[in-house]
PDB file of N, CA and C in Angstrom:
ATOM      1  N   UNK A   1     113.160  76.760  52.285  1.00  0.00           N
ATOM      2  CA  UNK A   1     112.415  77.798  52.954  1.00  0.00           C
ATOM      3  C   UNK A   1     112.492  77.552  54.464  1.00  0.00           C
ATOM      4  N   UNK A   2     112.719  78.591  55.226  1.00  0.00           N
ATOM      5  CA  UNK A   2     112.860  78.429  56.666  1.00  0.00           C
ATOM      6  C   UNK A   2     111.504  78.182  57.319  1.00  0.00           C
ATOM      7  N   UNK A   3     111.553  77.647  58.525  1.00  0.00           N
ATOM      8  CA  UNK A   3     110.316  77.382  59.278  1.00  0.00           C
ATOM      9  C   UNK A   3     109.556  78.677  59.515  1.00  0.00           C
ATOM     10  N   UNK A   4     110.276  79.764  59.758  1.00  0.00           N
ATOM     11  CA  UNK A   4     109.627  81.048  60.010  1.00  0.00           C
ATOM     12  C   UNK A   4     108.858  81.500  58.785  1.00  0.00           C
ATOM     13  N   UNK A   5     109.487  81.423  57.609  1.00  0.00           N
ATOM     14  CA  UNK A   5     108.796  81.851  56.389  1.00  0.00           C
ATOM     15  C   UNK A   5     107.623  80.941  56.068  1.00  0.00           C
ATOM     16  N   UNK A   6     107.793  79.625  56.321  1.00  0.00           N
ATOM     17  CA  UNK A   6     106.690  78.698  56.084  1.00  0.00           C
ATOM     18  C   UNK A   6     105.522  79.024  56.989  1.00  0.00           C
ATOM     19  N   UNK A   7     105.820  79.332  58.254  1.00  0.00           N
ATOM     20  CA  UNK A   7     104.752  79.665  59.198  1.00  0.00           C
ATOM     21  C   UNK A   7     104.037  80.946  58.788  1.00  0.00           C
ATOM     22  N   UNK A   8     104.804  81.963  58.400  1.00  0.00           N
ATOM     23  CA  UNK A   8     104.201  83.239  58.036  1.00  0.00           C
ATOM     24  C   UNK A   8     103.354  83.113  56.776  1.00  0.00           C
ATOM     25  N   UNK A   9     103.720  82.198  55.894  1.00  0.00           N
ATOM     26  CA  UNK A   9     102.941  82.014  54.674  1.00  0.00           C
ATOM     27  C   UNK A   9     101.719  81.131  54.892  1.00  0.00           C
ATOM     28  N   UNK A  10     101.735  80.329  55.945  1.00  0.00           N
ATOM     29  CA  UNK A  10     100.577  79.480  56.230  1.00  0.00           C
ATOM     30  C   UNK A  10      99.618  80.209  57.165  1.00  0.00           C
ATOM     31  N   UNK A  11      98.488  79.610  57.394  1.00  0.00           N
ATOM     32  CA  UNK A  11      97.472  80.226  58.247  1.00  0.00           C
ATOM     33  C   UNK A  11      97.396  79.535  59.591  1.00  0.00           C
ATOM     34  N   UNK A  12      98.528  79.266  60.199  1.00  0.00           N
ATOM     35  CA  UNK A  12      98.562  78.599  61.486  1.00  0.00           C
ATOM     36  C   UNK A  12      98.236  79.602  62.580  1.00  0.00           C
ATOM     37  N   UNK A  13      97.224  79.308  63.397  1.00  0.00           N
ATOM     38  CA  UNK A  13      96.915  80.231  64.490  1.00  0.00           C
ATOM     39  C   UNK A  13      97.993  80.159  65.570  1.00  0.00           C
ATOM     40  N   UNK A  14      98.249  81.283  66.229  1.00  0.00           N
ATOM     41  CA  UNK A  14      99.267  81.325  67.272  1.00  0.00           C
ATOM     42  C   UNK A  14      98.707  80.951  68.635  1.00  0.00           C
ATOM     43  N   UNK A  15      97.404  80.796  68.706  1.00  0.00           N
ATOM     44  CA  UNK A  15      96.777  80.456  69.980  1.00  0.00           C
ATOM     45  C   UNK A  15      96.261  79.027  69.935  1.00  0.00           C
ATOM     46  N   UNK A  16      96.090  78.456  71.099  1.00  0.00           N
ATOM     47  CA  UNK A  16      95.624  77.077  71.196  1.00  0.00           C
ATOM     48  C   UNK A  16      94.130  77.020  70.895  1.00  0.00           C
ATOM     49  N   UNK A  17      93.750  76.109  70.040  1.00  0.00           N
ATOM     50  CA  UNK A  17      92.340  75.855  69.745  1.00  0.00           C
ATOM     51  C   UNK A  17      92.032  74.430  70.160  1.00  0.00           C
ATOM     52  N   UNK A  18      90.839  74.230  70.691  1.00  0.00           N
ATOM     53  CA  UNK A  18      90.480  72.881  71.108  1.00  0.00           C
ATOM     54  C   UNK A  18      90.277  72.005  69.872  1.00  0.00           C
ATOM     55  N   UNK A  19      90.697  70.779  69.986  1.00  0.00           N
ATOM     56  CA  UNK A  19      90.545  69.803  68.910  1.00  0.00           C
ATOM     57  C   UNK A  19      89.686  68.661  69.433  1.00  0.00           C
ATOM     58  N   UNK A  20      88.943  68.065  68.567  1.00  0.00           N
ATOM     59  CA  UNK A  20      88.130  66.918  68.936  1.00  0.00           C
ATOM     60  C   UNK A  20      89.018  65.695  69.114  1.00  0.00           C
ATOM     61  N   UNK A  21      88.924  65.070  70.258  1.00  0.00           N
ATOM     62  CA  UNK A  21      89.712  63.866  70.502  1.00  0.00           C
ATOM     63  C   UNK A  21      89.330  62.749  69.542  1.00  0.00           C
ATOM     64  N   UNK A  22      88.094  62.732  69.151  1.00  0.00           N
ATOM     65  CA  UNK A  22      87.628  61.707  68.202  1.00  0.00           C
ATOM     66  C   UNK A  22      88.313  61.906  66.853  1.00  0.00           C
ATOM     67  N   UNK A  23      88.437  63.172  66.408  1.00  0.00           N
ATOM     68  CA  UNK A  23      89.121  63.445  65.139  1.00  0.00           C
ATOM     69  C   UNK A  23      90.588  63.049  65.213  1.00  0.00           C
ATOM     70  N   UNK A  24      91.235  63.329  66.347  1.00  0.00           N
ATOM     71  CA  UNK A  24      92.637  62.960  66.522  1.00  0.00           C
ATOM     72  C   UNK A  24      92.778  61.441  66.515  1.00  0.00           C
ATOM     73  N   UNK A  25      91.863  60.768  67.189  1.00  0.00           N
ATOM     74  CA  UNK A  25      91.909  59.305  67.279  1.00  0.00           C
ATOM     75  C   UNK A  25      91.673  58.654  65.913  1.00  0.00           C
ATOM     76  N   UNK A  26      90.832  59.241  65.091  1.00  0.00           N
ATOM     77  CA  UNK A  26      90.471  58.634  63.810  1.00  0.00           C
ATOM     78  C   UNK A  26      91.645  58.494  62.849  1.00  0.00           C
ATOM     79  N   UNK A  27      92.689  59.277  63.014  1.00  0.00           N
ATOM     80  CA  UNK A  27      93.832  59.187  62.104  1.00  0.00           C
ATOM     81  C   UNK A  27      94.603  57.878  62.269  1.00  0.00           C
ATOM     82  N   UNK A  28      94.716  57.383  63.504  1.00  0.00           N
ATOM     83  CA  UNK A  28      95.483  56.157  63.739  1.00  0.00           C
ATOM     84  C   UNK A  28      94.633  55.036  64.323  1.00  0.00           C
ATOM     85  N   UNK A  29      93.484  55.376  64.852  1.00  0.00           N
ATOM     86  CA  UNK A  29      92.651  54.367  65.507  1.00  0.00           C
ATOM     87  C   UNK A  29      92.929  54.274  67.000  1.00  0.00           C
ATOM     88  N   UNK A  30      93.937  55.013  67.475  1.00  0.00           N
ATOM     89  CA  UNK A  30      94.294  54.977  68.882  1.00  0.00           C
ATOM     90  C   UNK A  30      94.690  56.389  69.300  1.00  0.00           C
ATOM     91  N   UNK A  31      94.005  56.939  70.294  1.00  0.00           N
ATOM     92  CA  UNK A  31      94.256  58.301  70.733  1.00  0.00           C
ATOM     93  C   UNK A  31      95.676  58.472  71.249  1.00  0.00           C
ATOM     94  N   UNK A  32      96.152  57.534  72.054  1.00  0.00           N
ATOM     95  CA  UNK A  32      97.483  57.652  72.633  1.00  0.00           C
ATOM     96  C   UNK A  32      98.580  57.570  71.578  1.00  0.00           C
ATOM     97  N   UNK A  33      98.357  56.751  70.582  1.00  0.00           N
ATOM     98  CA  UNK A  33      99.316  56.656  69.484  1.00  0.00           C
ATOM     99  C   UNK A  33      99.365  57.969  68.710  1.00  0.00           C
ATOM    100  N   UNK A  34      98.206  58.558  68.472  1.00  0.00           N
ATOM    101  CA  UNK A  34      98.148  59.845  67.777  1.00  0.00           C
ATOM    102  C   UNK A  34      98.883  60.926  68.565  1.00  0.00           C
ATOM    103  N   UNK A  35      98.662  60.952  69.869  1.00  0.00           N
ATOM    104  CA  UNK A  35      99.310  61.958  70.711  1.00  0.00           C
ATOM    105  C   UNK A  35     100.819  61.733  70.741  1.00  0.00           C
ATOM    106  N   UNK A  36     101.251  60.479  70.762  1.00  0.00           N
ATOM    107  CA  UNK A  36     102.688  60.180  70.742  1.00  0.00           C
ATOM    108  C   UNK A  36     103.312  60.659  69.434  1.00  0.00           C
ATOM    109  N   UNK A  37     102.622  60.472  68.326  1.00  0.00           N
ATOM    110  CA  UNK A  37     103.114  60.924  67.024  1.00  0.00           C
ATOM    111  C   UNK A  37     103.214  62.444  67.007  1.00  0.00           C
ATOM    112  N   UNK A  38     102.192  63.120  67.508  1.00  0.00           N
ATOM    113  CA  UNK A  38     102.196  64.586  67.560  1.00  0.00           C
ATOM    114  C   UNK A  38     103.337  65.071  68.456  1.00  0.00           C
ATOM    115  N   UNK A  39     103.555  64.406  69.573  1.00  0.00           N
ATOM    116  CA  UNK A  39     104.624  64.791  70.489  1.00  0.00           C
ATOM    117  C   UNK A  39     106.001  64.639  69.867  1.00  0.00           C
ATOM    118  N   UNK A  40     106.207  63.559  69.143  1.00  0.00           N
ATOM    119  CA  UNK A  40     107.505  63.356  68.484  1.00  0.00           C
ATOM    120  C   UNK A  40     107.728  64.388  67.391  1.00  0.00           C
ATOM    121  N   UNK A  41     106.683  64.688  66.645  1.00  0.00           N
ATOM    122  CA  UNK A  41     106.803  65.702  65.596  1.00  0.00           C
ATOM    123  C   UNK A  41     107.055  67.078  66.212  1.00  0.00           C
ATOM    124  N   UNK A  42     106.416  67.381  67.337  1.00  0.00           N
ATOM    125  CA  UNK A  42     106.636  68.659  68.011  1.00  0.00           C
ATOM    126  C   UNK A  42     108.090  68.787  68.457  1.00  0.00           C
ATOM    127  N   UNK A  43     108.685  67.695  68.935  1.00  0.00           N
ATOM    128  CA  UNK A  43     110.095  67.716  69.319  1.00  0.00           C
ATOM    129  C   UNK A  43     110.984  67.983  68.109  1.00  0.00           C
ATOM    130  N   UNK A  44     110.671  67.371  66.973  1.00  0.00           N
ATOM    131  CA  UNK A  44     111.445  67.604  65.756  1.00  0.00           C
ATOM    132  C   UNK A  44     111.359  69.069  65.321  1.00  0.00           C
ATOM    133  N   UNK A  45     110.160  69.626  65.362  1.00  0.00           N
ATOM    134  CA  UNK A  45     109.967  71.023  64.984  1.00  0.00           C
ATOM    135  C   UNK A  45     110.727  71.935  65.929  1.00  0.00           C
ATOM    136  N   UNK A  46     110.636  71.641  67.225  1.00  0.00           N
ATOM    137  CA  UNK A  46     111.305  72.464  68.231  1.00  0.00           C
ATOM    138  C   UNK A  46     112.820  72.468  68.015  1.00  0.00           C
ATOM    139  N   UNK A  47     113.387  71.312  67.752  1.00  0.00           N
ATOM    140  CA  UNK A  47     114.837  71.221  67.531  1.00  0.00           C
ATOM    141  C   UNK A  47     115.247  72.009  66.287  1.00  0.00           C
ATOM    142  N   UNK A  48     114.492  71.861  65.210  1.00  0.00           N
ATOM    143  CA  UNK A  48     114.865  72.568  63.978  1.00  0.00           C
ATOM    144  C   UNK A  48     114.691  74.079  64.125  1.00  0.00           C
ATOM    145  N   UNK A  49     113.643  74.516  64.819  1.00  0.00           N
ATOM    146  CA  UNK A  49     113.460  75.943  65.043  1.00  0.00           C
ATOM    147  C   UNK A  49     114.568  76.517  65.915  1.00  0.00           C
ATOM    148  N   UNK A  50     114.937  75.784  66.942  1.00  0.00           N
ATOM    149  CA  UNK A  50     115.995  76.242  67.844  1.00  0.00           C
ATOM    150  C   UNK A  50     117.327  76.366  67.090  1.00  0.00           C
ATOM    151  N   UNK A  51     117.642  75.364  66.263  1.00  0.00           N
ATOM    152  CA  UNK A  51     118.876  75.423  65.478  1.00  0.00           C
ATOM    153  C   UNK A  51     118.856  76.591  64.506  1.00  0.00           C
ATOM    154  N   UNK A  52     117.722  76.796  63.855  1.00  0.00           N
ATOM    155  CA  UNK A  52     117.593  77.887  62.901  1.00  0.00           C
ATOM    156  C   UNK A  52     117.760  79.242  63.599  1.00  0.00           C
ATOM    157  N   UNK A  53     117.145  79.404  64.760  1.00  0.00           N
ATOM    158  CA  UNK A  53     117.258  80.648  65.512  1.00  0.00           C
ATOM    159  C   UNK A  53     118.699  80.885  65.956  1.00  0.00           C
ATOM    160  N   UNK A  54     119.341  79.858  66.481  1.00  0.00           N
ATOM    161  CA  UNK A  54     120.729  80.010  66.921  1.00  0.00           C
ATOM    162  C   UNK A  54     121.656  80.345  65.756  1.00  0.00           C
ATOM    163  N   UNK A  55     121.421  79.746  64.597  1.00  0.00           N
ATOM    164  CA  UNK A  55     122.245  80.049  63.425  1.00  0.00           C
ATOM    165  C   UNK A  55     122.078  81.504  62.985  1.00  0.00           C
ATOM    166  N   UNK A  56     120.840  82.004  63.041  1.00  0.00           N
ATOM    167  CA  UNK A  56     120.609  83.397  62.662  1.00  0.00           C
ATOM    168  C   UNK A  56     121.209  84.357  63.678  1.00  0.00           C
ATOM    169  N   UNK A  57     121.128  84.001  64.959  1.00  0.00           N
ATOM    170  CA  UNK A  57     121.660  84.893  65.992  1.00  0.00           C
ATOM    171  C   UNK A  57     123.179  84.836  66.078  1.00  0.00           C
ATOM    172  N   UNK A  58     123.791  83.750  65.593  1.00  0.00           N
ATOM    173  CA  UNK A  58     125.256  83.665  65.575  1.00  0.00           C
ATOM    174  C   UNK A  58     125.870  84.721  64.671  1.00  0.00           C
ATOM    175  N   UNK A  59     125.137  85.132  63.654  1.00  0.00           N
ATOM    176  CA  UNK A  59     125.638  86.169  62.761  1.00  0.00           C
ATOM    177  C   UNK A  59     125.896  87.465  63.516  1.00  0.00           C
ATOM    178  N   UNK A  60     125.130  87.697  64.564  1.00  0.00           N
ATOM    179  CA  UNK A  60     125.256  88.934  65.322  1.00  0.00           C
ATOM    180  C   UNK A  60     126.216  88.802  66.496  1.00  0.00           C
ATOM    181  N   UNK A  61     126.665  87.602  66.783  1.00  0.00           N
ATOM    182  CA  UNK A  61     127.521  87.372  67.945  1.00  0.00           C
ATOM    183  C   UNK A  61     128.903  87.967  67.699  1.00  0.00           C
ATOM    184  N   UNK A  62     129.320  88.741  68.650  1.00  0.00           N
ATOM    185  CA  UNK A  62     130.659  89.309  68.622  1.00  0.00           C
ATOM    186  C   UNK A  62     131.096  89.473  70.063  1.00  0.00           C
ATOM    187  N   UNK A  63     132.276  89.027  70.365  1.00  0.00           N
ATOM    188  CA  UNK A  63     132.741  89.058  71.743  1.00  0.00           C
ATOM    189  C   UNK A  63     133.305  90.416  72.130  1.00  0.00           C
ATOM    190  N   UNK A  64     133.416  91.320  71.161  1.00  0.00           N
ATOM    191  CA  UNK A  64     133.975  92.633  71.452  1.00  0.00           C
ATOM    192  C   UNK A  64     132.921  93.722  71.517  1.00  0.00           C
ATOM    193  N   UNK A  65     131.642  93.370  71.374  1.00  0.00           N
ATOM    194  CA  UNK A  65     130.573  94.368  71.418  1.00  0.00           C
ATOM    195  C   UNK A  65     130.478  94.984  72.803  1.00  0.00           C
ATOM    196  N   UNK A  66     130.231  96.261  72.805  1.00  0.00           N
ATOM    197  CA  UNK A  66     129.979  96.914  74.083  1.00  0.00           C
ATOM    198  C   UNK A  66     128.509  96.729  74.437  1.00  0.00           C
ATOM    199  N   UNK A  67     128.145  97.066  75.637  1.00  0.00           N
ATOM    200  CA  UNK A  67     126.771  96.905  76.097  1.00  0.00           C
ATOM    201  C   UNK A  67     125.820  97.743  75.264  1.00  0.00           C
ATOM    202  N   UNK A  68     126.249  98.912  74.826  1.00  0.00           N
ATOM    203  CA  UNK A  68     125.400  99.783  74.020  1.00  0.00           C
ATOM    204  C   UNK A  68     125.121  99.172  72.657  1.00  0.00           C
ATOM    205  N   UNK A  69     126.115  98.532  72.053  1.00  0.00           N
ATOM    206  CA  UNK A  69     125.927  97.922  70.742  1.00  0.00           C
ATOM    207  C   UNK A  69     124.960  96.750  70.813  1.00  0.00           C
ATOM    208  N   UNK A  70     124.963  96.030  71.909  1.00  0.00           N
ATOM    209  CA  UNK A  70     124.058  94.892  72.074  1.00  0.00           C
ATOM    210  C   UNK A  70     122.618  95.372  72.137  1.00  0.00           C
ATOM    211  N   UNK A  71     122.368  96.446  72.866  1.00  0.00           N
ATOM    212  CA  UNK A  71     121.000  96.949  73.018  1.00  0.00           C
ATOM    213  C   UNK A  71     120.492  97.636  71.749  1.00  0.00           C
ATOM    214  N   UNK A  72     121.389  98.100  70.898  1.00  0.00           N
ATOM    215  CA  UNK A  72     120.977  98.821  69.705  1.00  0.00           C
ATOM    216  C   UNK A  72     120.817  97.922  68.485  1.00  0.00           C
ATOM    217  N   UNK A  73     121.097  96.645  68.599  1.00  0.00           N
ATOM    218  CA  UNK A  73     121.014  95.751  67.454  1.00  0.00           C
ATOM    219  C   UNK A  73     119.555  95.395  67.189  1.00  0.00           C
ATOM    220  N   UNK A  74     118.912  96.207  66.381  1.00  0.00           N
ATOM    221  CA  UNK A  74     117.478  96.058  66.126  1.00  0.00           C
ATOM    222  C   UNK A  74     117.155  94.818  65.295  1.00  0.00           C
ATOM    223  N   UNK A  75     118.046  94.439  64.399  1.00  0.00           N
ATOM    224  CA  UNK A  75     117.798  93.249  63.574  1.00  0.00           C
ATOM    225  C   UNK A  75     117.719  92.002  64.433  1.00  0.00           C
ATOM    226  N   UNK A  76     118.611  91.902  65.385  1.00  0.00           N
ATOM    227  CA  UNK A  76     118.610  90.748  66.285  1.00  0.00           C
ATOM    228  C   UNK A  76     117.332  90.718  67.109  1.00  0.00           C
ATOM    229  N   UNK A  77     116.887  91.866  67.566  1.00  0.00           N
ATOM    230  CA  UNK A  77     115.660  91.960  68.353  1.00  0.00           C
ATOM    231  C   UNK A  77     114.460  91.576  67.497  1.00  0.00           C
ATOM    232  N   UNK A  78     114.430  92.007  66.232  1.00  0.00           N
ATOM    233  CA  UNK A  78     113.316  91.665  65.344  1.00  0.00           C
ATOM    234  C   UNK A  78     113.252  90.167  65.079  1.00  0.00           C
ATOM    235  N   UNK A  79     114.408  89.537  64.883  1.00  0.00           N
ATOM    236  CA  UNK A  79     114.438  88.087  64.659  1.00  0.00           C
ATOM    237  C   UNK A  79     113.912  87.362  65.889  1.00  0.00           C
ATOM    238  N   UNK A  80     114.367  87.767  67.057  1.00  0.00           N
ATOM    239  CA  UNK A  80     113.922  87.128  68.298  1.00  0.00           C
ATOM    240  C   UNK A  80     112.419  87.298  68.491  1.00  0.00           C
ATOM    241  N   UNK A  81     111.910  88.476  68.217  1.00  0.00           N
ATOM    242  CA  UNK A  81     110.462  88.718  68.370  1.00  0.00           C
ATOM    243  C   UNK A  81     109.647  87.884  67.379  1.00  0.00           C
ATOM    244  N   UNK A  82     110.159  87.752  66.168  1.00  0.00           N
ATOM    245  CA  UNK A  82     109.439  86.961  65.170  1.00  0.00           C
ATOM    246  C   UNK A  82     109.329  85.507  65.624  1.00  0.00           C
ATOM    247  N   UNK A  83     110.387  84.970  66.208  1.00  0.00           N
ATOM    248  CA  UNK A  83     110.338  83.590  66.688  1.00  0.00           C
ATOM    249  C   UNK A  83     109.457  83.461  67.924  1.00  0.00           C
ATOM    250  N   UNK A  84     109.403  84.494  68.749  1.00  0.00           N
ATOM    251  CA  UNK A  84     108.532  84.456  69.922  1.00  0.00           C
ATOM    252  C   UNK A  84     107.064  84.466  69.523  1.00  0.00           C
ATOM    253  N   UNK A  85     106.741  85.117  68.403  1.00  0.00           N
ATOM    254  CA  UNK A  85     105.354  85.207  67.943  1.00  0.00           C
ATOM    255  C   UNK A  85     104.881  83.934  67.253  1.00  0.00           C
ATOM    256  N   UNK A  86     105.818  83.087  66.885  1.00  0.00           N
ATOM    257  CA  UNK A  86     105.445  81.843  66.207  1.00  0.00           C
ATOM    258  C   UNK A  86     104.642  80.957  67.146  1.00  0.00           C
ATOM    259  N   UNK A  87     103.772  80.145  66.588  1.00  0.00           N
ATOM    260  CA  UNK A  87     103.026  79.221  67.442  1.00  0.00           C
ATOM    261  C   UNK A  87     103.943  78.169  68.058  1.00  0.00           C
ATOM    262  N   UNK A  88     103.479  77.634  69.143  1.00  0.00           N
ATOM    263  CA  UNK A  88     104.182  76.577  69.853  1.00  0.00           C
ATOM    264  C   UNK A  88     104.395  75.397  68.900  1.00  0.00           C
ATOM    265  N   UNK A  89     105.518  74.694  69.000  1.00  0.00           N
ATOM    266  CA  UNK A  89     105.740  73.530  68.134  1.00  0.00           C
ATOM    267  C   UNK A  89     104.638  72.472  68.252  1.00  0.00           C
ATOM    268  N   UNK A  90     104.017  72.360  69.413  1.00  0.00           N
ATOM    269  CA  UNK A  90     102.920  71.400  69.568  1.00  0.00           C
ATOM    270  C   UNK A  90     101.714  71.807  68.717  1.00  0.00           C
ATOM    271  N   UNK A  91     101.474  73.103  68.600  1.00  0.00           N
ATOM    272  CA  UNK A  91     100.375  73.583  67.758  1.00  0.00           C
ATOM    273  C   UNK A  91     100.675  73.274  66.296  1.00  0.00           C
ATOM    274  N   UNK A  92     101.918  73.542  65.880  1.00  0.00           N
ATOM    275  CA  UNK A  92     102.310  73.247  64.498  1.00  0.00           C
ATOM    276  C   UNK A  92     102.227  71.755  64.203  1.00  0.00           C
ATOM    277  N   UNK A  93     102.692  70.936  65.151  1.00  0.00           N
ATOM    278  CA  UNK A  93     102.664  69.482  64.955  1.00  0.00           C
ATOM    279  C   UNK A  93     101.236  68.968  64.883  1.00  0.00           C
ATOM    280  N   UNK A  94     100.373  69.496  65.718  1.00  0.00           N
ATOM    281  CA  UNK A  94      98.969  69.065  65.704  1.00  0.00           C
ATOM    282  C   UNK A  94      98.314  69.427  64.384  1.00  0.00           C
ATOM    283  N   UNK A  95      98.579  70.632  63.897  1.00  0.00           N
ATOM    284  CA  UNK A  95      97.990  71.030  62.618  1.00  0.00           C
ATOM    285  C   UNK A  95      98.496  70.145  61.486  1.00  0.00           C
ATOM    286  N   UNK A  96      99.802  69.871  61.468  1.00  0.00           N
ATOM    287  CA  UNK A  96     100.348  68.986  60.440  1.00  0.00           C
ATOM    288  C   UNK A  96      99.721  67.602  60.517  1.00  0.00           C
ATOM    289  N   UNK A  97      99.541  67.094  61.723  1.00  0.00           N
ATOM    290  CA  UNK A  97      98.956  65.764  61.896  1.00  0.00           C
ATOM    291  C   UNK A  97      97.509  65.743  61.409  1.00  0.00           C
ATOM    292  N   UNK A  98      96.754  66.775  61.762  1.00  0.00           N
ATOM    293  CA  UNK A  98      95.346  66.817  61.369  1.00  0.00           C
ATOM    294  C   UNK A  98      95.188  66.984  59.854  1.00  0.00           C
ATOM    295  N   UNK A  99      96.171  67.601  59.209  1.00  0.00           N
ATOM    296  CA  UNK A  99      96.134  67.770  57.749  1.00  0.00           C
ATOM    297  C   UNK A  99      96.808  66.606  57.028  1.00  0.00           C
ATOM    298  N   UNK A 100      97.166  65.551  57.760  1.00  0.00           N
ATOM    299  CA  UNK A 100      97.824  64.352  57.227  1.00  0.00           C
ATOM    300  C   UNK A 100      99.134  64.670  56.505  1.00  0.00           C
ATOM    301  N   UNK A 101      99.907  65.601  57.054  1.00  0.00           N
ATOM    302  CA  UNK A 101     101.200  65.963  56.488  1.00  0.00           C
ATOM    303  C   UNK A 101     102.355  65.290  57.230  1.00  0.00           C
ATOM    304  N   UNK A 102     102.036  64.474  58.228  1.00  0.00           N
ATOM    305  CA  UNK A 102     103.064  63.808  59.023  1.00  0.00           C
ATOM    306  C   UNK A 102     103.148  62.356  58.575  1.00  0.00           C
ATOM    307  N   UNK A 103     104.370  61.919  58.265  1.00  0.00           N
ATOM    308  CA  UNK A 103     104.579  60.520  57.909  1.00  0.00           C
ATOM    309  C   UNK A 103     104.957  59.759  59.172  1.00  0.00           C
ATOM    310  N   UNK A 104     104.287  58.672  59.406  1.00  0.00           N
ATOM    311  CA  UNK A 104     104.617  57.804  60.536  1.00  0.00           C
ATOM    312  C   UNK A 104     104.379  56.371  60.102  1.00  0.00           C
ATOM    313  N   UNK A 105     105.039  55.458  60.782  1.00  0.00           N
ATOM    314  CA  UNK A 105     104.844  54.044  60.480  1.00  0.00           C
ATOM    315  C   UNK A 105     104.818  53.276  61.781  1.00  0.00           C
ATOM    316  N   UNK A 106     104.128  52.162  61.751  1.00  0.00           N
ATOM    317  CA  UNK A 106     104.044  51.285  62.915  1.00  0.00           C
ATOM    318  C   UNK A 106     105.087  50.191  62.800  1.00  0.00           C
ATOM    319  N   UNK A 107     105.685  49.873  63.926  1.00  0.00           N
ATOM    320  CA  UNK A 107     106.537  48.686  63.966  1.00  0.00           C
ATOM    321  C   UNK A 107     105.633  47.469  64.017  1.00  0.00           C
ATOM    322  N   UNK A 108     106.177  46.336  63.656  1.00  0.00           N
ATOM    323  CA  UNK A 108     105.391  45.109  63.764  1.00  0.00           C
ATOM    324  C   UNK A 108     105.084  44.860  65.230  1.00  0.00           C
ATOM    325  N   UNK A 109     103.889  44.343  65.519  1.00  0.00           N
ATOM    326  CA  UNK A 109     103.490  44.140  66.906  1.00  0.00           C
ATOM    327  C   UNK A 109     104.409  43.161  67.628  1.00  0.00           C
ATOM    328  N   UNK A 110     104.958  42.202  66.904  1.00  0.00           N
ATOM    329  CA  UNK A 110     105.871  41.247  67.543  1.00  0.00           C
ATOM    330  C   UNK A 110     107.141  41.921  68.033  1.00  0.00           C
ATOM    331  N   UNK A 111     107.566  42.978  67.347  1.00  0.00           N
ATOM    332  CA  UNK A 111     108.794  43.676  67.724  1.00  0.00           C
ATOM    333  C   UNK A 111     108.610  44.549  68.949  1.00  0.00           C
ATOM    334  N   UNK A 112     107.382  44.893  69.293  1.00  0.00           N
ATOM    335  CA  UNK A 112     107.155  45.806  70.397  1.00  0.00           C
ATOM    336  C   UNK A 112     107.518  45.180  71.749  1.00  0.00           C
ATOM    337  N   UNK A 113     107.397  43.880  71.877  1.00  0.00           N
ATOM    338  CA  UNK A 113     107.575  43.264  73.175  1.00  0.00           C
ATOM    339  C   UNK A 113     108.890  42.496  73.311  1.00  0.00           C
ATOM    340  N   UNK A 114     109.769  42.656  72.382  1.00  0.00           N
ATOM    341  CA  UNK A 114     111.062  41.974  72.456  1.00  0.00           C
ATOM    342  C   UNK A 114     112.060  42.761  73.228  1.00  0.00           C
TER     343      UNK A 114
END
């Protein structure tokens, strides 16, 4: 299932909602670690969404299209609008993190300073 269909089937808000820092911190015990995890997940989501969008738009790519054909391609415009309406990857990552749907692991503390 594509990210777009998953988003449309879920109840993810498209606008930013404030989150309690204490709730975010409680998942890992460290606020900065939680934010780093959310940031990495947001990057993963962003990359996959971008690839998915480019793959869908490649179907419409033609080097021989005239300017009129480009403006009349309603399917391409609808796909682009649907992706624009999707929530920011950071919003999606935060929701996944708060619902404990993100897998993360800690490195051993000795390995951090080597």
